PDB file of all heavy atoms in Angstrom:
ATOM      1  N   ARG A   1      13.127 215.825 102.599  1.00  0.00           N
ATOM      2  CA  ARG A   1      12.908 217.009 101.756  1.00  0.00           C
ATOM      3  C   ARG A   1      12.013 216.707 100.565  1.00  0.00           C
ATOM      4  O   ARG A   1      11.224 217.532 100.117  1.00  0.00           O
ATOM      5  CB  ARG A   1      14.246 217.544 101.238  1.00  0.00           C
ATOM      6  CG  ARG A   1      15.047 218.327 102.259  1.00  0.00           C
ATOM      7  CD  ARG A   1      16.086 219.084 101.458  1.00  0.00           C
ATOM      8  NE  ARG A   1      17.386 219.148 102.034  1.00  0.00           N
ATOM      9  CZ  ARG A   1      18.505 219.403 101.358  1.00  0.00           C
ATOM     10  NH1 ARG A   1      18.470 219.564 100.062  1.00  0.00           N
ATOM     11  NH2 ARG A   1      19.658 219.480 101.975  1.00  0.00           N
ATOM     12  N   ALA A   2      12.185 215.485 100.019  1.00  0.00           N
ATOM     13  CA  ALA A   2      11.421 215.100  98.823  1.00  0.00           C
ATOM     14  C   ALA A   2       9.974 214.757  99.154  1.00  0.00           C
ATOM     15  O   ALA A   2       9.197 214.397  98.273  1.00  0.00           O
ATOM     16  CB  ALA A   2      12.090 213.917  98.123  1.00  0.00           C
ATOM     17  N   GLY A   3       9.623 214.855 100.443  1.00  0.00           N
ATOM     18  CA  GLY A   3       8.225 214.690 100.821  1.00  0.00           C
ATOM     19  C   GLY A   3       7.821 213.284 101.204  1.00  0.00           C
ATOM     20  O   GLY A   3       6.630 212.946 101.239  1.00  0.00           O
ATOM     21  N   PHE A   4       8.798 212.417 101.501  1.00  0.00           N
ATOM     22  CA  PHE A   4       8.454 211.069 101.905  1.00  0.00           C
ATOM     23  C   PHE A   4       8.109 211.040 103.388  1.00  0.00           C
ATOM     24  O   PHE A   4       8.794 211.674 104.194  1.00  0.00           O
ATOM     25  CB  PHE A   4       9.606 210.108 101.609  1.00  0.00           C
ATOM     26  CG  PHE A   4       9.790 209.848 100.149  1.00  0.00           C
ATOM     27  CD1 PHE A   4      10.644 210.621  99.399  1.00  0.00           C
ATOM     28  CD2 PHE A   4       9.078 208.856  99.517  1.00  0.00           C
ATOM     29  CE1 PHE A   4      10.793 210.397  98.038  1.00  0.00           C
ATOM     30  CE2 PHE A   4       9.218 208.622  98.161  1.00  0.00           C
ATOM     31  CZ  PHE A   4      10.077 209.395  97.421  1.00  0.00           C
ATOM     32  N   PRO A   5       7.109 210.273 103.748  1.00  0.00           N
ATOM     33  CA  PRO A   5       6.701 210.261 105.160  1.00  0.00           C
ATOM     34  C   PRO A   5       7.597 209.349 106.005  1.00  0.00           C
ATOM     35  O   PRO A   5       8.783 209.617 106.144  1.00  0.00           O
ATOM     36  CB  PRO A   5       5.249 209.772 105.097  1.00  0.00           C
ATOM     37  CG  PRO A   5       5.181 208.999 103.796  1.00  0.00           C
ATOM     38  CD  PRO A   5       6.239 209.515 102.892  1.00  0.00           C
ATOM     39  N   GLU A   6       7.078 208.295 106.536  1.00  0.00           N
ATOM     40  CA  GLU A   6       7.819 207.351 107.382  1.00  0.00           C
ATOM     41  C   GLU A   6       8.860 206.583 106.550  1.00  0.00           C
ATOM     42  O   GLU A   6       8.522 206.008 105.515  1.00  0.00           O
ATOM     43  CB  GLU A   6       6.803 206.382 107.999  1.00  0.00           C
ATOM     44  CG  GLU A   6       7.356 205.432 109.025  1.00  0.00           C
ATOM     45  CD  GLU A   6       6.267 204.470 109.505  1.00  0.00           C
ATOM     46  OE1 GLU A   6       5.069 204.803 109.372  1.00  0.00           O
ATOM     47  OE2 GLU A   6       6.615 203.391 109.984  1.00  0.00           O
ATOM     48  N   ILE A   7      10.110 206.567 107.007  1.00  0.00           N
ATOM     49  CA  ILE A   7      11.206 205.961 106.238  1.00  0.00           C
ATOM     50  C   ILE A   7      11.804 204.788 107.008  1.00  0.00           C
ATOM     51  O   ILE A   7      12.123 204.917 108.195  1.00  0.00           O
ATOM     52  CB  ILE A   7      12.317 207.002 105.950  1.00  0.00           C
ATOM     53  CG1 ILE A   7      11.747 208.230 105.234  1.00  0.00           C
ATOM     54  CG2 ILE A   7      13.443 206.378 105.130  1.00  0.00           C
ATOM     55  CD1 ILE A   7      12.662 209.447 105.298  1.00  0.00           C
ATOM     56  N   HIS A   8      11.941 203.654 106.337  1.00  0.00           N
ATOM     57  CA  HIS A   8      12.648 202.495 106.885  1.00  0.00           C
ATOM     58  C   HIS A   8      13.731 202.075 105.897  1.00  0.00           C
ATOM     59  O   HIS A   8      13.597 202.289 104.690  1.00  0.00           O
ATOM     60  CB  HIS A   8      11.684 201.310 107.102  1.00  0.00           C
ATOM     61  CG  HIS A   8      10.582 201.589 108.068  1.00  0.00           C
ATOM     62  ND1 HIS A   8      10.704 201.407 109.424  1.00  0.00           N
ATOM     63  CD2 HIS A   8       9.320 202.054 107.863  1.00  0.00           C
ATOM     64  CE1 HIS A   8       9.568 201.741 110.024  1.00  0.00           C
ATOM     65  NE2 HIS A   8       8.715 202.143 109.109  1.00  0.00           N
ATOM     66  N   TYR A   9      14.789 201.423 106.422  1.00  0.00           N
ATOM     67  CA  TYR A   9      15.870 200.937 105.567  1.00  0.00           C
ATOM     68  C   TYR A   9      15.991 199.421 105.685  1.00  0.00           C
ATOM     69  O   TYR A   9      15.922 198.863 106.787  1.00  0.00           O
ATOM     70  CB  TYR A   9      17.207 201.579 105.949  1.00  0.00           C
ATOM     71  CG  TYR A   9      17.214 203.069 105.710  1.00  0.00           C
ATOM     72  CD1 TYR A   9      17.009 203.960 106.757  1.00  0.00           C
ATOM     73  CD2 TYR A   9      17.388 203.581 104.429  1.00  0.00           C
ATOM     74  CE1 TYR A   9      16.984 205.326 106.542  1.00  0.00           C
ATOM     75  CE2 TYR A   9      17.371 204.945 104.197  1.00  0.00           C
ATOM     76  CZ  TYR A   9      17.155 205.813 105.253  1.00  0.00           C
ATOM     77  OH  TYR A   9      17.119 207.160 105.019  1.00  0.00           O
ATOM     78  N   VAL A  10      16.170 198.788 104.541  1.00  0.00           N
ATOM     79  CA  VAL A  10      16.357 197.340 104.480  1.00  0.00           C
ATOM     80  C   VAL A  10      17.588 197.076 103.615  1.00  0.00           C
ATOM     81  O   VAL A  10      17.770 197.733 102.578  1.00  0.00           O
ATOM     82  CB  VAL A  10      15.103 196.656 103.869  1.00  0.00           C
ATOM     83  CG1 VAL A  10      15.361 195.175 103.593  1.00  0.00           C
ATOM     84  CG2 VAL A  10      13.889 196.833 104.779  1.00  0.00           C
ATOM     85  N   TYR A  11      18.420 196.122 104.046  1.00  0.00           N
ATOM     86  CA  TYR A  11      19.564 195.757 103.213  1.00  0.00           C
ATOM     87  C   TYR A  11      19.074 195.316 101.829  1.00  0.00           C
ATOM     88  O   TYR A  11      18.108 194.544 101.729  1.00  0.00           O
ATOM     89  CB  TYR A  11      20.364 194.610 103.839  1.00  0.00           C
ATOM     90  CG  TYR A  11      21.204 194.991 105.041  1.00  0.00           C
ATOM     91  CD1 TYR A  11      21.196 194.211 106.194  1.00  0.00           C
ATOM     92  CD2 TYR A  11      22.025 196.117 105.006  1.00  0.00           C
ATOM     93  CE1 TYR A  11      21.971 194.542 107.295  1.00  0.00           C
ATOM     94  CE2 TYR A  11      22.817 196.458 106.104  1.00  0.00           C
ATOM     95  CZ  TYR A  11      22.776 195.673 107.243  1.00  0.00           C
ATOM     96  OH  TYR A  11      23.551 196.004 108.324  1.00  0.00           O
ATOM     97  N   GLU A  12      19.734 195.784 100.792  1.00  0.00           N
ATOM     98  CA  GLU A  12      19.302 195.459  99.418  1.00  0.00           C
ATOM     99  C   GLU A  12      19.225 193.951  99.161  1.00  0.00           C
ATOM    100  O   GLU A  12      18.248 193.473  98.580  1.00  0.00           O
ATOM    101  CB  GLU A  12      20.220 196.164  98.413  1.00  0.00           C
ATOM    102  CG  GLU A  12      19.970 197.672  98.381  1.00  0.00           C
ATOM    103  CD  GLU A  12      21.117 198.501  97.886  1.00  0.00           C
ATOM    104  OE1 GLU A  12      22.170 197.928  97.573  1.00  0.00           O
ATOM    105  OE2 GLU A  12      20.988 199.737  97.810  1.00  0.00           O
ATOM    106  N   PRO A  13      20.231 193.149  99.572  1.00  0.00           N
ATOM    107  CA  PRO A  13      20.108 191.713  99.319  1.00  0.00           C
ATOM    108  C   PRO A  13      18.992 191.047 100.116  1.00  0.00           C
ATOM    109  O   PRO A  13      18.434 190.033  99.689  1.00  0.00           O
ATOM    110  CB  PRO A  13      21.486 191.150  99.727  1.00  0.00           C
ATOM    111  CG  PRO A  13      22.062 192.172 100.642  1.00  0.00           C
ATOM    112  CD  PRO A  13      21.529 193.490 100.170  1.00  0.00           C
ATOM    113  N   VAL A  14      18.625 191.608 101.284  1.00  0.00           N
ATOM    114  CA  VAL A  14      17.492 191.077 102.051  1.00  0.00           C
ATOM    115  C   VAL A  14      16.199 191.274 101.256  1.00  0.00           C
ATOM    116  O   VAL A  14      15.356 190.379 101.172  1.00  0.00           O
ATOM    117  CB  VAL A  14      17.403 191.754 103.440  1.00  0.00           C
ATOM    118  CG1 VAL A  14      16.092 191.399 104.133  1.00  0.00           C
ATOM    119  CG2 VAL A  14      18.603 191.358 104.305  1.00  0.00           C
ATOM    120  N   ALA A  15      16.056 192.455 100.640  1.00  0.00           N
ATOM    121  CA  ALA A  15      14.875 192.726  99.807  1.00  0.00           C
ATOM    122  C   ALA A  15      14.837 191.781  98.613  1.00  0.00           C
ATOM    123  O   ALA A  15      13.777 191.238  98.272  1.00  0.00           O
ATOM    124  CB  ALA A  15      14.889 194.182  99.343  1.00  0.00           C
ATOM    125  N   ALA A  16      15.997 191.581  97.982  1.00  0.00           N
ATOM    126  CA  ALA A  16      16.063 190.655  96.845  1.00  0.00           C
ATOM    127  C   ALA A  16      15.696 189.238  97.297  1.00  0.00           C
ATOM    128  O   ALA A  16      15.004 188.502  96.588  1.00  0.00           O
ATOM    129  CB  ALA A  16      17.458 190.679  96.225  1.00  0.00           C
ATOM    130  N   ALA A  17      16.151 188.854  98.497  1.00  0.00           N
ATOM    131  CA  ALA A  17      15.838 187.526  99.040  1.00  0.00           C
ATOM    132  C   ALA A  17      14.337 187.378  99.269  1.00  0.00           C
ATOM    133  O   ALA A  17      13.747 186.332  98.980  1.00  0.00           O
ATOM    134  CB  ALA A  17      16.592 187.305 100.359  1.00  0.00           C
ATOM    135  N   TYR A  18      13.700 188.411  99.795  1.00  0.00           N
ATOM    136  CA  TYR A  18      12.265 188.379 100.056  1.00  0.00           C
ATOM    137  C   TYR A  18      11.491 188.197  98.747  1.00  0.00           C
ATOM    138  O   TYR A  18      10.533 187.429  98.678  1.00  0.00           O
ATOM    139  CB  TYR A  18      11.827 189.661 100.756  1.00  0.00           C
ATOM    140  CG  TYR A  18      10.454 189.588 101.375  1.00  0.00           C
ATOM    141  CD1 TYR A  18      10.289 189.172 102.692  1.00  0.00           C
ATOM    142  CD2 TYR A  18       9.323 189.932 100.654  1.00  0.00           C
ATOM    143  CE1 TYR A  18       9.029 189.114 103.274  1.00  0.00           C
ATOM    144  CE2 TYR A  18       8.061 189.871 101.213  1.00  0.00           C
ATOM    145  CZ  TYR A  18       7.920 189.457 102.522  1.00  0.00           C
ATOM    146  OH  TYR A  18       6.667 189.385 103.084  1.00  0.00           O
ATOM    147  N   TYR A  19      11.927 188.900  97.716  1.00  0.00           N
ATOM    148  CA  TYR A  19      11.325 188.775  96.384  1.00  0.00           C
ATOM    149  C   TYR A  19      11.467 187.338  95.881  1.00  0.00           C
ATOM    150  O   TYR A  19      10.507 186.713  95.421  1.00  0.00           O
ATOM    151  CB  TYR A  19      12.004 189.767  95.432  1.00  0.00           C
ATOM    152  CG  TYR A  19      11.717 189.559  93.965  1.00  0.00           C
ATOM    153  CD1 TYR A  19      10.564 190.080  93.387  1.00  0.00           C
ATOM    154  CD2 TYR A  19      12.608 188.847  93.148  1.00  0.00           C
ATOM    155  CE1 TYR A  19      10.299 189.904  92.032  1.00  0.00           C
ATOM    156  CE2 TYR A  19      12.362 188.664  91.801  1.00  0.00           C
ATOM    157  CZ  TYR A  19      11.218 189.192  91.247  1.00  0.00           C
ATOM    158  OH  TYR A  19      10.973 189.011  89.897  1.00  0.00           O
ATOM    159  N   PHE A  20      12.675 186.811  95.981  1.00  0.00           N
ATOM    160  CA  PHE A  20      12.955 185.455  95.509  1.00  0.00           C
ATOM    161  C   PHE A  20      12.173 184.412  96.313  1.00  0.00           C
ATOM    162  O   PHE A  20      11.672 183.431  95.763  1.00  0.00           O
ATOM    163  CB  PHE A  20      14.466 185.171  95.612  1.00  0.00           C
ATOM    164  CG  PHE A  20      14.847 183.749  95.321  1.00  0.00           C
ATOM    165  CD1 PHE A  20      14.731 183.243  94.028  1.00  0.00           C
ATOM    166  CD2 PHE A  20      15.316 182.911  96.325  1.00  0.00           C
ATOM    167  CE1 PHE A  20      15.082 181.921  93.751  1.00  0.00           C
ATOM    168  CE2 PHE A  20      15.676 181.605  96.060  1.00  0.00           C
ATOM    169  CZ  PHE A  20      15.544 181.108  94.770  1.00  0.00           C
ATOM    170  N   ALA A  21      12.035 184.636  97.619  1.00  0.00           N
ATOM    171  CA  ALA A  21      11.407 183.651  98.500  1.00  0.00           C
ATOM    172  C   ALA A  21       9.931 183.416  98.177  1.00  0.00           C
ATOM    173  O   ALA A  21       9.377 182.376  98.552  1.00  0.00           O
ATOM    174  CB  ALA A  21      11.550 184.094  99.957  1.00  0.00           C
ATOM    175  N   GLN A  22       9.305 184.371  97.477  1.00  0.00           N
ATOM    176  CA  GLN A  22       7.888 184.188  97.118  1.00  0.00           C
ATOM    177  C   GLN A  22       7.703 182.947  96.245  1.00  0.00           C
ATOM    178  O   GLN A  22       6.616 182.367  96.203  1.00  0.00           O
ATOM    179  CB  GLN A  22       7.340 185.423  96.384  1.00  0.00           C
ATOM    180  CG  GLN A  22       7.549 186.758  97.098  1.00  0.00           C
ATOM    181  CD  GLN A  22       6.974 186.823  98.489  1.00  0.00           C
ATOM    182  OE1 GLN A  22       5.822 186.466  98.722  1.00  0.00           O
ATOM    183  NE2 GLN A  22       7.789 187.264  99.461  1.00  0.00           N
ATOM    184  N   SER A  23       8.752 182.533  95.546  1.00  0.00           N
ATOM    185  CA  SER A  23       8.633 181.379  94.632  1.00  0.00           C
ATOM    186  C   SER A  23       9.107 180.071  95.272  1.00  0.00           C
ATOM    187  O   SER A  23       9.083 179.022  94.627  1.00  0.00           O
ATOM    188  CB  SER A  23       9.448 181.646  93.354  1.00  0.00           C
ATOM    189  OG  SER A  23      10.843 181.779  93.694  1.00  0.00           O
ATOM    190  N   LEU A  24       9.546 180.122  96.553  1.00  0.00           N
ATOM    191  CA  LEU A  24      10.029 178.902  97.212  1.00  0.00           C
ATOM    192  C   LEU A  24       8.884 177.924  97.443  1.00  0.00           C
ATOM    193  O   LEU A  24       7.790 178.308  97.857  1.00  0.00           O
ATOM    194  CB  LEU A  24      10.685 179.231  98.557  1.00  0.00           C
ATOM    195  CG  LEU A  24      12.059 179.931  98.510  1.00  0.00           C
ATOM    196  CD1 LEU A  24      12.491 180.311  99.916  1.00  0.00           C
ATOM    197  CD2 LEU A  24      13.113 179.037  97.851  1.00  0.00           C
ATOM    198  N   LYS A  25       9.152 176.661  97.194  1.00  0.00           N
ATOM    199  CA  LYS A  25       8.136 175.622  97.406  1.00  0.00           C
ATOM    200  C   LYS A  25       8.273 174.964  98.777  1.00  0.00           C
ATOM    201  O   LYS A  25       7.370 174.279  99.230  1.00  0.00           O
ATOM    202  CB  LYS A  25       8.255 174.539  96.299  1.00  0.00           C
ATOM    203  CG  LYS A  25       8.112 175.074  94.865  1.00  0.00           C
ATOM    204  CD  LYS A  25       6.700 175.579  94.593  1.00  0.00           C
ATOM    205  CE  LYS A  25       6.493 175.912  93.101  1.00  0.00           C
ATOM    206  NZ  LYS A  25       7.089 177.199  92.741  1.00  0.00           N
ATOM    207  N   LYS A  26       9.422 175.148  99.425  1.00  0.00           N
ATOM    208  CA  LYS A  26       9.614 174.564 100.764  1.00  0.00           C
ATOM    209  C   LYS A  26      10.595 175.425 101.551  1.00  0.00           C
ATOM    210  O   LYS A  26      11.249 176.319 101.000  1.00  0.00           O
ATOM    211  CB  LYS A  26      10.137 173.124 100.642  1.00  0.00           C
ATOM    212  CG  LYS A  26      11.454 172.993  99.880  1.00  0.00           C
ATOM    213  CD  LYS A  26      11.854 171.525  99.752  1.00  0.00           C
ATOM    214  CE  LYS A  26      13.195 171.402  99.012  1.00  0.00           C
ATOM    215  NZ  LYS A  26      13.599 170.002  98.831  1.00  0.00           N
ATOM    216  N   ASP A  27      10.697 175.193 102.835  1.00  0.00           N
ATOM    217  CA  ASP A  27      11.613 175.950 103.689  1.00  0.00           C
ATOM    218  C   ASP A  27      13.045 175.814 103.156  1.00  0.00           C
ATOM    219  O   ASP A  27      13.438 174.758 102.650  1.00  0.00           O
ATOM    220  CB  ASP A  27      11.548 175.429 105.127  1.00  0.00           C
ATOM    221  CG  ASP A  27      10.158 175.618 105.738  1.00  0.00           C
ATOM    222  OD1 ASP A  27       9.322 176.309 105.107  1.00  0.00           O
ATOM    223  OD2 ASP A  27       9.901 175.064 106.827  1.00  0.00           O
ATOM    224  N   ALA A  28      13.802 176.900 103.279  1.00  0.00           N
ATOM    225  CA  ALA A  28      15.139 176.870 102.680  1.00  0.00           C
ATOM    226  C   ALA A  28      16.061 177.904 103.302  1.00  0.00           C
ATOM    227  O   ALA A  28      15.618 178.961 103.752  1.00  0.00           O
ATOM    228  CB  ALA A  28      15.034 177.133 101.167  1.00  0.00           C
ATOM    229  N   ASN A  29      17.360 177.566 103.315  1.00  0.00           N
ATOM    230  CA  ASN A  29      18.411 178.554 103.581  1.00  0.00           C
ATOM    231  C   ASN A  29      18.792 179.176 102.235  1.00  0.00           C
ATOM    232  O   ASN A  29      19.220 178.459 101.319  1.00  0.00           O
ATOM    233  CB  ASN A  29      19.653 177.891 104.192  1.00  0.00           C
ATOM    234  CG  ASN A  29      19.390 177.341 105.578  1.00  0.00           C
ATOM    235  OD1 ASN A  29      18.555 177.867 106.318  1.00  0.00           O
ATOM    236  ND2 ASN A  29      20.081 176.263 105.952  1.00  0.00           N
ATOM    237  N   VAL A  30      18.627 180.483 102.120  1.00  0.00           N
ATOM    238  CA  VAL A  30      18.864 181.172 100.847  1.00  0.00           C
ATOM    239  C   VAL A  30      20.034 182.144 101.002  1.00  0.00           C
ATOM    240  O   VAL A  30      20.042 182.978 101.914  1.00  0.00           O
ATOM    241  CB  VAL A  30      17.609 181.935 100.368  1.00  0.00           C
ATOM    242  CG1 VAL A  30      17.900 182.687  99.071  1.00  0.00           C
ATOM    243  CG2 VAL A  30      16.438 180.974 100.171  1.00  0.00           C
ATOM    244  N   LEU A  31      21.006 182.018 100.104  1.00  0.00           N
ATOM    245  CA  LEU A  31      22.097 182.992 100.023  1.00  0.00           C
ATOM    246  C   LEU A  31      21.819 183.898  98.829  1.00  0.00           C
ATOM    247  O   LEU A  31      21.714 183.424  97.699  1.00  0.00           O
ATOM    248  CB  LEU A  31      23.451 182.287  99.831  1.00  0.00           C
ATOM    249  CG  LEU A  31      24.653 183.215  99.556  1.00  0.00           C
ATOM    250  CD1 LEU A  31      24.995 184.061 100.777  1.00  0.00           C
ATOM    251  CD2 LEU A  31      25.880 182.428  99.099  1.00  0.00           C
ATOM    252  N   VAL A  32      21.678 185.184  99.078  1.00  0.00           N
ATOM    253  CA  VAL A  32      21.479 186.153  97.999  1.00  0.00           C
ATOM    254  C   VAL A  32      22.769 186.910  97.768  1.00  0.00           C
ATOM    255  O   VAL A  32      23.377 187.427  98.709  1.00  0.00           O
ATOM    256  CB  VAL A  32      20.356 187.153  98.332  1.00  0.00           C
ATOM    257  CG1 VAL A  32      20.238 188.218  97.236  1.00  0.00           C
ATOM    258  CG2 VAL A  32      19.047 186.431  98.461  1.00  0.00           C
ATOM    259  N   ALA A  33      23.178 186.953  96.513  1.00  0.00           N
ATOM    260  CA  ALA A  33      24.335 187.757  96.113  1.00  0.00           C
ATOM    261  C   ALA A  33      23.835 188.845  95.171  1.00  0.00           C
ATOM    262  O   ALA A  33      23.340 188.546  94.082  1.00  0.00           O
ATOM    263  CB  ALA A  33      25.373 186.878  95.422  1.00  0.00           C
ATOM    264  N   ASP A  34      23.945 190.079  95.617  1.00  0.00           N
ATOM    265  CA  ASP A  34      23.436 191.216  94.851  1.00  0.00           C
ATOM    266  C   ASP A  34      24.626 192.011  94.311  1.00  0.00           C
ATOM    267  O   ASP A  34      25.375 192.616  95.066  1.00  0.00           O
ATOM    268  CB  ASP A  34      22.550 192.085  95.748  1.00  0.00           C
ATOM    269  CG  ASP A  34      22.123 193.384  95.067  1.00  0.00           C
ATOM    270  OD1 ASP A  34      22.024 193.409  93.823  1.00  0.00           O
ATOM    271  OD2 ASP A  34      21.916 194.380  95.780  1.00  0.00           O
ATOM    272  N   PHE A  35      24.781 191.979  92.992  1.00  0.00           N
ATOM    273  CA  PHE A  35      25.903 192.651  92.341  1.00  0.00           C
ATOM    274  C   PHE A  35      25.416 193.937  91.689  1.00  0.00           C
ATOM    275  O   PHE A  35      24.756 193.916  90.649  1.00  0.00           O
ATOM    276  CB  PHE A  35      26.528 191.732  91.275  1.00  0.00           C
ATOM    277  CG  PHE A  35      26.997 190.429  91.830  1.00  0.00           C
ATOM    278  CD1 PHE A  35      26.196 189.295  91.748  1.00  0.00           C
ATOM    279  CD2 PHE A  35      28.223 190.328  92.459  1.00  0.00           C
ATOM    280  CE1 PHE A  35      26.621 188.096  92.269  1.00  0.00           C
ATOM    281  CE2 PHE A  35      28.645 189.128  92.990  1.00  0.00           C
ATOM    282  CZ  PHE A  35      27.850 188.015  92.894  1.00  0.00           C
ATOM    283  N   GLY A  36      25.722 195.065  92.310  1.00  0.00           N
ATOM    284  CA  GLY A  36      25.290 196.346  91.769  1.00  0.00           C
ATOM    285  C   GLY A  36      26.394 197.013  90.974  1.00  0.00           C
ATOM    286  O   GLY A  36      27.330 196.367  90.483  1.00  0.00           O
ATOM    287  N   GLY A  37      26.280 198.351  90.855  1.00  0.00           N
ATOM    288  CA  GLY A  37      27.331 199.117  90.195  1.00  0.00           C
ATOM    289  C   GLY A  37      28.471 199.424  91.150  1.00  0.00           C
ATOM    290  O   GLY A  37      29.646 199.320  90.791  1.00  0.00           O
ATOM    291  N   GLY A  38      28.097 199.787  92.415  1.00  0.00           N
ATOM    292  CA  GLY A  38      29.114 200.218  93.370  1.00  0.00           C
ATOM    293  C   GLY A  38      29.449 199.216  94.446  1.00  0.00           C
ATOM    294  O   GLY A  38      30.532 199.277  95.041  1.00  0.00           O
ATOM    295  N   THR A  39      28.525 198.275  94.755  1.00  0.00           N
ATOM    296  CA  THR A  39      28.748 197.349  95.859  1.00  0.00           C
ATOM    297  C   THR A  39      28.309 195.933  95.494  1.00  0.00           C
ATOM    298  O   THR A  39      27.431 195.732  94.655  1.00  0.00           O
ATOM    299  CB  THR A  39      27.967 197.775  97.133  1.00  0.00           C
ATOM    300  OG1 THR A  39      26.565 197.823  96.831  1.00  0.00           O
ATOM    301  CG2 THR A  39      28.420 199.135  97.633  1.00  0.00           C
ATOM    302  N   THR A  40      28.930 194.962  96.172  1.00  0.00           N
ATOM    303  CA  THR A  40      28.487 193.574  96.140  1.00  0.00           C
ATOM    304  C   THR A  40      28.037 193.226  97.556  1.00  0.00           C
ATOM    305  O   THR A  40      28.791 193.414  98.510  1.00  0.00           O
ATOM    306  CB  THR A  40      29.627 192.638  95.709  1.00  0.00           C
ATOM    307  OG1 THR A  40      29.997 192.956  94.358  1.00  0.00           O
ATOM    308  CG2 THR A  40      29.200 191.176  95.774  1.00  0.00           C
ATOM    309  N   ASP A  41      26.805 192.730  97.685  1.00  0.00           N
ATOM    310  CA  ASP A  41      26.240 192.463  99.001  1.00  0.00           C
ATOM    311  C   ASP A  41      25.719 191.039  99.081  1.00  0.00           C
ATOM    312  O   ASP A  41      25.109 190.535  98.135  1.00  0.00           O
ATOM    313  CB  ASP A  41      25.083 193.431  99.291  1.00  0.00           C
ATOM    314  CG  ASP A  41      25.556 194.874  99.378  1.00  0.00           C
ATOM    315  OD1 ASP A  41      26.468 195.146 100.176  1.00  0.00           O
ATOM    316  OD2 ASP A  41      25.016 195.720  98.643  1.00  0.00           O
ATOM    317  N   TYR A  42      25.936 190.420 100.236  1.00  0.00           N
ATOM    318  CA  TYR A  42      25.447 189.065 100.486  1.00  0.00           C
ATOM    319  C   TYR A  42      24.533 189.063 101.704  1.00  0.00           C
ATOM    320  O   TYR A  42      24.799 189.742 102.697  1.00  0.00           O
ATOM    321  CB  TYR A  42      26.608 188.099 100.793  1.00  0.00           C
ATOM    322  CG  TYR A  42      27.597 187.913  99.665  1.00  0.00           C
ATOM    323  CD1 TYR A  42      28.801 188.612  99.657  1.00  0.00           C
ATOM    324  CD2 TYR A  42      27.346 187.019  98.630  1.00  0.00           C
ATOM    325  CE1 TYR A  42      29.713 188.445  98.633  1.00  0.00           C
ATOM    326  CE2 TYR A  42      28.264 186.839  97.609  1.00  0.00           C
ATOM    327  CZ  TYR A  42      29.442 187.556  97.609  1.00  0.00           C
ATOM    328  OH  TYR A  42      30.347 187.381  96.595  1.00  0.00           O
ATOM    329  N   SER A  43      23.479 188.276 101.617  1.00  0.00           N
ATOM    330  CA  SER A  43      22.628 188.008 102.780  1.00  0.00           C
ATOM    331  C   SER A  43      22.297 186.529 102.804  1.00  0.00           C
ATOM    332  O   SER A  43      21.936 185.950 101.762  1.00  0.00           O
ATOM    333  CB  SER A  43      21.333 188.823 102.738  1.00  0.00           C
ATOM    334  OG  SER A  43      21.545 190.121 103.206  1.00  0.00           O
TER     335      SER A  43
END
Protein backbone atom coordinates (compact mmCIF):
# COMPACT_ATOMS: atom_id res chain seq x y z
CA ARG A 1 0.00 0.00 0.00
CA ALA A 2 2.86 2.36 0.85
CA GLY A 3 4.11 2.00 -2.71
CA PHE A 4 7.07 -0.31 -2.25
CA PRO A 5 7.88 -2.49 -5.24
CA GLU A 6 9.63 -5.87 -4.85
CA ILE A 7 9.77 -6.95 -1.17
CA HIS A 8 12.19 -9.39 0.46
CA TYR A 9 12.57 -10.31 4.14
CA VAL A 10 15.82 -10.95 5.98
CA TYR A 11 16.22 -11.92 9.63
CA GLU A 12 17.31 -8.81 11.56
CA PRO A 13 20.38 -10.46 13.15
CA VAL A 14 21.47 -11.76 9.71
CA ALA A 15 21.44 -8.16 8.43
CA ALA A 16 23.39 -7.03 11.50
CA ALA A 17 25.88 -9.87 10.87
CA TYR A 18 26.33 -8.80 7.24
CA TYR A 19 27.03 -5.23 8.38
CA PHE A 20 29.54 -6.45 10.96
CA ALA A 21 31.21 -8.87 8.52
CA GLN A 22 32.38 -5.98 6.31
CA SER A 23 35.08 -5.31 8.93
CA LEU A 24 36.27 -8.94 9.24
CA LYS A 25 39.93 -9.46 8.40
CA LYS A 26 39.67 -13.25 8.01
CA ASP A 27 37.08 -16.02 7.70
CA ALA A 28 35.06 -16.43 10.86
CA ASN A 29 32.08 -18.00 12.61
CA VAL A 30 30.06 -15.01 13.83
CA LEU A 31 27.31 -15.11 16.45
CA VAL A 32 25.09 -12.02 16.30
CA ALA A 33 22.88 -11.16 19.24
CA ASP A 34 20.36 -8.47 18.38
CA PHE A 35 18.57 -6.99 21.39
CA GLY A 36 15.59 -4.90 20.32
CA GLY A 37 12.59 -3.50 22.16
CA GLY A 38 10.30 -6.49 21.60
CA THR A 39 12.56 -9.41 20.64
CA THR A 40 16.00 -10.90 21.18
CA ASP A 41 17.35 -12.65 18.08
CA TYR A 42 20.44 -14.76 17.44
CA SER A 43 22.07 -15.77 14.18
